[in-house]
């Protein structure tokens, strides 16, 4: 399989010089998948024209995880795809063991590919005597032997600074924006569900033909519990697009949607990269306040977490293109912001 000329990622076109070496000709690239999201890993492998490397993953009777790589990776560039989603402790531990196994098998470079970075919400001390788990996880990944990390839509961009190895941060917004463009919505206003997400919403709005921006002012009383107060900005008679990095219990985004309806929004869409969907997210999101809930497949969604208004878009091509560019020492940050 040759990569030359033009590659199409959904409706976005990426043009590359025809002289770049093909991945299939380079036997140093190895792609492996953890058990967290095998379908996404398979899609990435298809985009790159590769097969996932053979690996044994099993558990002992007491729950311990065992990993064995089934081919030689000596001197190879190894990419390990594993989102640390639920059950986050198991999948994170599996990733660490995969990294250690690759290091002990003499891989030249090990890249941990985390489509979803778990433990990211505790990224600073706010109440004292608490752990900064985002930094703790970074330390674990580095100490296990990773050479670099590829992440997508971190909950906080500052997490990149917790790593003393290269970190490539890409965004799922190109896929979400392409889908919204295909719907040809009119009178769009992009809405941040809280003050902390204003920068993300502003960047999203800029790529939607400089759509106007609105902000939902809220006060969070405790973890996963939010009280919505009011809307800053004009949404009356418009199509409101709520933008966030993740949807967990959906309390914030569903209360925000109700508020937008109350102040006159004609339609409400929700866009997020990571569909965590902890209970009672499905009930809240399928209650009728949203025209559509648009997410990506960074986290696998079983059938019981799917509903009529849900649209799941694939980021496999985006991740595959990023892996290709890392491997070929090409620019990443300029393409997917």
Protein backbone atom coordinates (compact mmCIF):
# COMPACT_ATOMS: atom_id res chain seq x y z
CA UNK A 1 0.00 0.00 0.00
CA UNK A 2 1.51 3.32 -1.06
CA UNK A 3 0.96 6.72 0.54
CA UNK A 4 1.47 9.39 -2.08
CA UNK A 5 -0.48 12.24 -3.61
CA UNK A 6 -3.66 12.91 -1.65
CA UNK A 7 -5.08 11.24 1.44
CA UNK A 8 -8.66 12.00 2.47
CA UNK A 9 -9.64 12.04 6.15
CA UNK A 10 -13.45 12.20 6.05
CA UNK A 11 -14.03 15.43 4.11
CA UNK A 12 -10.70 17.03 5.04
CA UNK A 13 -7.94 16.66 2.42
CA UNK A 14 -4.28 16.24 3.38
CA UNK A 15 -1.75 16.71 0.60
CA UNK A 16 1.66 15.10 0.99
CA UNK A 17 4.77 15.03 -1.23
CA UNK A 18 4.87 11.91 -3.44
CA UNK A 19 8.52 11.23 -2.50
CA UNK A 20 7.86 10.32 1.14
CA UNK A 21 8.75 6.65 1.85
CA UNK A 22 5.85 4.28 2.30
CA UNK A 23 5.10 2.75 5.67
CA UNK A 24 4.67 -0.72 4.21
CA UNK A 25 8.31 -0.54 3.02
CA UNK A 26 9.57 0.30 6.50
CA UNK A 27 9.72 -2.81 8.68
CA UNK A 28 10.68 -0.80 11.76
CA UNK A 29 7.10 0.30 12.48
CA UNK A 30 5.08 -1.98 14.76
CA UNK A 31 1.52 -1.38 15.91
CA UNK A 32 0.02 -3.16 18.92
CA UNK A 33 -3.34 -2.88 20.63
CA UNK A 34 -4.33 -3.24 24.24
CA UNK A 35 -7.71 -4.71 25.06
CA UNK A 36 -9.43 -1.37 25.81
CA UNK A 37 -10.47 -0.46 22.24
CA UNK A 38 -9.46 -3.12 19.73
CA UNK A 39 -11.91 -1.95 16.99
CA UNK A 40 -10.30 1.51 16.93
CA UNK A 41 -6.82 -0.05 16.80
CA UNK A 42 -7.89 -2.22 13.87
CA UNK A 43 -9.17 0.85 12.00
CA UNK A 44 -5.88 2.66 12.60
CA UNK A 45 -3.96 -0.36 11.34
CA UNK A 46 -6.09 -0.49 8.18
CA UNK A 47 -5.43 3.19 7.50
CA UNK A 48 -1.69 2.58 7.78
CA UNK A 49 -1.81 -0.60 5.70
CA UNK A 50 -0.45 -2.66 8.59
CA UNK A 51 -1.49 -5.62 10.70
CA UNK A 52 -1.72 -5.35 14.46
CA UNK A 53 1.22 -7.13 16.04
CA UNK A 54 0.54 -10.48 17.73
CA UNK A 55 0.31 -10.24 21.49
CA UNK A 56 -0.91 -12.53 24.26
CA UNK A 57 -2.98 -10.78 26.92
CA UNK A 58 -4.44 -12.79 29.78
CA UNK A 59 -5.21 -12.69 33.50
CA UNK A 60 -4.17 -14.92 36.32
CA UNK A 61 -6.82 -16.20 38.71
CA UNK A 62 -6.17 -13.36 41.16
CA UNK A 63 -6.64 -10.68 38.47
CA UNK A 64 -2.99 -10.02 37.61
CA UNK A 65 -2.43 -9.06 33.96
CA UNK A 66 0.04 -10.92 31.75
CA UNK A 67 1.36 -9.62 28.41
CA UNK A 68 3.69 -11.31 25.94
CA UNK A 69 4.69 -9.89 22.55
CA UNK A 70 4.71 -12.67 19.95
CA UNK A 71 7.19 -11.27 17.41
CA UNK A 72 10.63 -9.69 17.41
CA UNK A 73 10.55 -5.91 17.90
CA UNK A 74 14.27 -5.43 18.47
CA UNK A 75 15.25 -2.04 17.05
CA UNK A 76 11.66 -1.23 16.03
CA UNK A 77 9.47 1.81 16.61
CA UNK A 78 6.52 0.45 18.60
CA UNK A 79 3.14 2.16 18.94
CA UNK A 80 0.86 0.86 21.70
CA UNK A 81 -2.80 1.93 21.36
CA UNK A 82 -4.68 1.87 24.65
CA UNK A 83 -7.18 4.43 26.01
CA UNK A 84 -7.31 4.40 29.81
CA UNK A 85 -11.10 4.27 29.93
CA UNK A 86 -13.37 2.23 32.22
CA UNK A 87 -12.27 0.04 33.94
CA UNK A 88 -9.51 2.64 34.05
CA UNK A 89 -7.26 0.91 36.59
CA UNK A 90 -7.16 -2.35 34.62
CA UNK A 91 -6.52 -0.70 31.27
CA UNK A 92 -3.90 1.67 32.66
CA UNK A 93 -2.05 -1.22 34.28
CA UNK A 94 -2.24 -3.19 31.03
CA UNK A 95 -0.69 -0.24 29.16
CA UNK A 96 2.16 -0.02 31.67
CA UNK A 97 2.84 -3.75 31.31
CA UNK A 98 2.77 -3.46 27.50
CA UNK A 99 5.31 -0.63 27.68
CA UNK A 100 7.55 -2.65 30.00
CA UNK A 101 7.32 -5.72 27.76
CA UNK A 102 8.28 -3.62 24.72
CA UNK A 103 11.23 -2.07 26.54
CA UNK A 104 12.52 -5.46 27.66
CA UNK A 105 12.14 -6.72 24.07
CA UNK A 106 14.63 -4.02 22.97
CA UNK A 107 12.25 -1.76 21.04
CA UNK A 108 14.09 1.29 19.71
CA UNK A 109 11.28 3.70 20.54
CA UNK A 110 7.99 3.14 22.37
CA UNK A 111 5.05 5.48 21.81
CA UNK A 112 2.06 5.17 24.12
CA UNK A 113 -1.01 6.13 22.09
CA UNK A 114 -3.77 7.20 24.50
CA UNK A 115 -6.89 8.25 22.59
CA UNK A 116 -8.35 8.96 26.04
CA UNK A 117 -6.15 9.92 29.00
CA UNK A 118 -7.74 8.77 32.24
CA UNK A 119 -7.16 10.41 35.64
CA UNK A 120 -6.80 13.75 33.83
CA UNK A 121 -9.39 15.67 35.84
CA UNK A 122 -7.21 15.90 38.95
CA UNK A 123 -4.56 18.08 37.31
CA UNK A 124 -3.87 20.50 40.19
CA UNK A 125 -4.42 20.88 43.93
CA UNK A 126 -7.61 22.76 44.73
CA UNK A 127 -8.51 21.66 48.27
CA UNK A 128 -5.22 20.58 49.81
CA UNK A 129 -4.02 17.11 50.82
CA UNK A 130 -5.05 15.57 47.52
CA UNK A 131 -3.24 13.77 44.73
CA UNK A 132 -2.51 15.26 41.31
CA UNK A 133 -3.33 12.03 39.50
CA UNK A 134 -2.69 13.44 36.02
CA UNK A 135 0.95 13.93 37.02
CA UNK A 136 1.09 10.56 38.80
CA UNK A 137 -0.06 8.75 35.64
CA UNK A 138 2.50 10.69 33.59
CA UNK A 139 5.24 9.52 35.96
CA UNK A 140 4.07 5.91 35.69
CA UNK A 141 4.08 5.98 31.88
CA UNK A 142 7.57 7.49 31.75
CA UNK A 143 9.00 5.14 34.39
CA UNK A 144 7.52 2.12 32.59
CA UNK A 145 9.72 2.99 29.62
CA UNK A 146 7.70 5.03 27.11
CA UNK A 147 9.78 7.18 24.76
CA UNK A 148 6.92 9.49 23.80
CA UNK A 149 3.15 9.85 24.17
CA UNK A 150 0.40 10.60 21.67
CA UNK A 151 -2.79 11.90 23.29
CA UNK A 152 -6.07 13.31 22.04
CA UNK A 153 -8.11 16.16 23.52
CA UNK A 154 -6.61 16.23 26.99
CA UNK A 155 -8.94 17.51 29.70
CA UNK A 156 -6.29 20.15 30.39
CA UNK A 157 -3.51 21.06 27.96
CA UNK A 158 -1.11 21.64 30.86
CA UNK A 159 -0.86 17.85 31.30
CA UNK A 160 1.64 17.84 28.43
CA UNK A 161 4.04 19.64 30.78
CA UNK A 162 3.89 16.76 33.26
CA UNK A 163 5.92 14.61 30.86
CA UNK A 164 9.69 14.80 30.46
CA UNK A 165 9.41 12.99 27.12
CA UNK A 166 7.89 14.27 23.85
CA UNK A 167 4.11 14.56 23.91
CA UNK A 168 2.06 14.96 20.72
CA UNK A 169 -1.38 16.41 21.42
CA UNK A 170 -3.98 16.17 18.65
CA UNK A 171 -7.65 17.12 18.59
CA UNK A 172 -10.85 15.39 17.54
CA UNK A 173 -12.38 18.67 16.36
CA UNK A 174 -11.60 18.16 12.62
CA UNK A 175 -13.85 15.08 12.60
CA UNK A 176 -16.62 16.83 14.55
CA UNK A 177 -16.39 19.95 12.38
CA UNK A 178 -16.59 17.93 9.17
CA UNK A 179 -19.76 16.25 10.37
CA UNK A 180 -21.38 19.54 11.40
CA UNK A 181 -20.46 21.07 8.05
CA UNK A 182 -22.17 18.18 6.26
CA UNK A 183 -25.41 18.99 8.08
CA UNK A 184 -25.41 22.57 6.74
CA UNK A 185 -26.82 24.05 9.94
CA UNK A 186 -27.81 27.72 9.97
CA UNK A 187 -27.51 30.45 12.63
CA UNK A 188 -24.98 28.50 14.69
CA UNK A 189 -23.76 29.71 18.05
CA UNK A 190 -21.04 27.71 19.79
CA UNK A 191 -21.59 27.33 23.52
CA UNK A 192 -19.06 26.53 26.22
CA UNK A 193 -20.71 24.53 29.05
CA UNK A 194 -18.51 26.32 31.61
CA UNK A 195 -15.94 29.09 31.89
CA UNK A 196 -13.04 26.59 31.84
CA UNK A 197 -13.96 25.45 28.33
CA UNK A 198 -14.07 28.91 26.71
CA UNK A 199 -10.74 28.53 24.89
CA UNK A 200 -11.85 25.19 23.41
CA UNK A 201 -15.22 26.60 22.35
CA UNK A 202 -13.64 29.73 20.88
CA UNK A 203 -11.26 27.66 18.72
CA UNK A 204 -14.19 25.48 17.62
CA UNK A 205 -16.29 28.56 16.75
CA UNK A 206 -13.47 30.08 14.71
CA UNK A 207 -13.43 27.01 12.46
CA UNK A 208 -17.21 27.22 12.06
CA UNK A 209 -16.88 30.38 9.97
CA UNK A 210 -16.26 32.51 13.07
CA UNK A 211 -19.59 31.56 14.64
CA UNK A 212 -20.60 33.63 17.69
CA UNK A 213 -19.76 32.33 21.16
CA UNK A 214 -21.90 31.91 24.28
CA UNK A 215 -20.97 30.72 27.77
CA UNK A 216 -22.99 28.90 30.41
CA UNK A 217 -22.22 30.25 33.87
CA UNK A 218 -22.40 27.55 36.51
CA UNK A 219 -21.31 26.70 40.01
CA UNK A 220 -20.11 23.16 40.74
CA UNK A 221 -21.15 22.03 44.23
CA UNK A 222 -19.30 18.69 44.20
CA UNK A 223 -17.76 16.20 41.77
CA UNK A 224 -20.24 15.24 39.00
CA UNK A 225 -22.84 17.66 40.42
CA UNK A 226 -23.32 21.06 38.76
CA UNK A 227 -25.79 23.90 39.22
CA UNK A 228 -26.43 25.98 36.08
CA UNK A 229 -27.15 29.66 36.65
CA UNK A 230 -27.43 31.60 33.38
CA UNK A 231 -26.33 31.99 29.77
CA UNK A 232 -23.91 34.69 28.66
CA UNK A 233 -24.51 35.51 24.99
CA UNK A 234 -27.32 35.58 22.46
CA UNK A 235 -28.79 32.17 21.59
CA UNK A 236 -32.43 33.06 20.93
CA UNK A 237 -33.70 31.52 17.69
CA UNK A 238 -30.29 29.99 16.93
CA UNK A 239 -28.78 26.53 16.66
CA UNK A 240 -26.68 26.04 19.79
CA UNK A 241 -23.70 23.68 19.63
CA UNK A 242 -22.39 22.73 23.09
CA UNK A 243 -18.71 21.79 22.89
CA UNK A 244 -16.70 19.89 25.52
CA UNK A 245 -13.78 17.47 25.65
CA UNK A 246 -15.75 14.70 27.37
CA UNK A 247 -19.21 13.74 28.55
CA UNK A 248 -19.16 11.77 31.80
CA UNK A 249 -22.45 11.73 33.74
CA UNK A 250 -23.82 14.43 31.36
CA UNK A 251 -25.05 16.56 34.25
CA UNK A 252 -23.32 19.74 33.10
CA UNK A 253 -24.11 19.45 29.42
CA UNK A 254 -27.75 18.35 29.85
CA UNK A 255 -28.51 21.13 32.34
CA UNK A 256 -26.84 23.54 29.96
CA UNK A 257 -29.04 22.31 27.12
CA UNK A 258 -32.18 22.83 29.19
CA UNK A 259 -31.08 26.36 30.01
CA UNK A 260 -30.42 27.06 26.33
CA UNK A 261 -33.93 25.84 25.46
CA UNK A 262 -35.41 28.05 28.16
CA UNK A 263 -33.74 31.19 26.79
CA UNK A 264 -34.93 30.50 23.25
CA UNK A 265 -32.39 28.31 21.41
CA UNK A 266 -34.10 26.75 18.38
CA UNK A 267 -31.98 23.57 18.34
CA UNK A 268 -29.30 22.16 20.64
CA UNK A 269 -26.46 19.85 19.59
CA UNK A 270 -23.77 18.39 21.85
CA UNK A 271 -20.23 17.72 20.60
CA UNK A 272 -17.53 15.96 22.62
CA UNK A 273 -14.49 13.86 21.77
CA UNK A 274 -14.70 11.38 24.66
CA UNK A 275 -17.94 9.54 25.46
CA UNK A 276 -17.28 8.39 29.02
CA UNK A 277 -21.04 8.01 29.65
CA UNK A 278 -21.12 7.06 33.32
CA UNK A 279 -24.65 6.51 34.71
CA UNK A 280 -27.06 8.25 34.38
CA UNK A 281 -25.57 9.85 31.22
CA UNK A 282 -27.62 7.85 28.71
CA UNK A 283 -30.93 8.75 30.38
CA UNK A 284 -30.00 12.44 30.48
CA UNK A 285 -28.73 12.61 26.90
CA UNK A 286 -31.70 10.73 25.44
CA UNK A 287 -34.29 12.83 27.29
CA UNK A 288 -35.14 14.91 24.22
CA UNK A 289 -33.21 18.14 24.90
CA UNK A 290 -30.67 17.39 22.15
CA UNK A 291 -31.21 17.04 18.41
CA UNK A 292 -27.99 15.02 18.31
CA UNK A 293 -25.16 14.03 20.63
CA UNK A 294 -22.00 13.80 18.52
CA UNK A 295 -18.96 11.97 19.91
CA UNK A 296 -15.98 10.01 18.62
CA UNK A 297 -14.85 6.43 19.13
CA UNK A 298 -11.85 7.13 21.38
CA UNK A 299 -13.79 5.12 24.00
CA UNK A 300 -15.76 2.03 22.90
CA UNK A 301 -19.50 2.24 23.49
CA UNK A 302 -21.43 -0.97 24.15
CA UNK A 303 -24.97 -1.28 22.84
CA UNK A 304 -26.53 -0.39 26.19
CA UNK A 305 -24.88 3.05 26.03
CA UNK A 306 -26.25 3.88 22.59
CA UNK A 307 -29.46 5.77 21.85
CA UNK A 308 -31.29 7.28 18.89
CA UNK A 309 -29.78 10.77 19.09
CA UNK A 310 -26.19 9.47 19.34
CA UNK A 311 -23.74 9.82 16.44
CA UNK A 312 -20.31 8.19 16.82
CA UNK A 313 -17.56 9.38 14.44
CA UNK A 314 -14.25 7.62 13.90
CA UNK A 315 -10.90 9.24 14.68
CA UNK A 316 -8.94 6.28 13.31
CA UNK A 317 -7.74 8.09 10.19
CA UNK A 318 -6.68 11.08 12.25
CA UNK A 319 -4.69 8.92 14.66
CA UNK A 320 -3.24 6.89 11.81
CA UNK A 321 -2.09 10.00 9.98
CA UNK A 322 -0.53 11.34 13.19
CA UNK A 323 1.34 8.07 13.81
CA UNK A 324 2.59 8.16 10.21
CA UNK A 325 3.86 11.72 10.63
CA UNK A 326 5.58 10.92 13.94
CA UNK A 327 7.27 7.91 12.39
CA UNK A 328 8.45 9.94 9.40
CA UNK A 329 9.53 12.91 11.56
CA UNK A 330 6.96 15.17 9.89
CA UNK A 331 4.96 17.99 11.45
CA UNK A 332 1.94 17.01 13.56
CA UNK A 333 0.77 20.12 15.39
CA UNK A 334 0.08 22.15 12.25
CA UNK A 335 -2.41 19.65 10.86
CA UNK A 336 -4.90 18.74 13.57
CA UNK A 337 -5.54 21.76 15.78
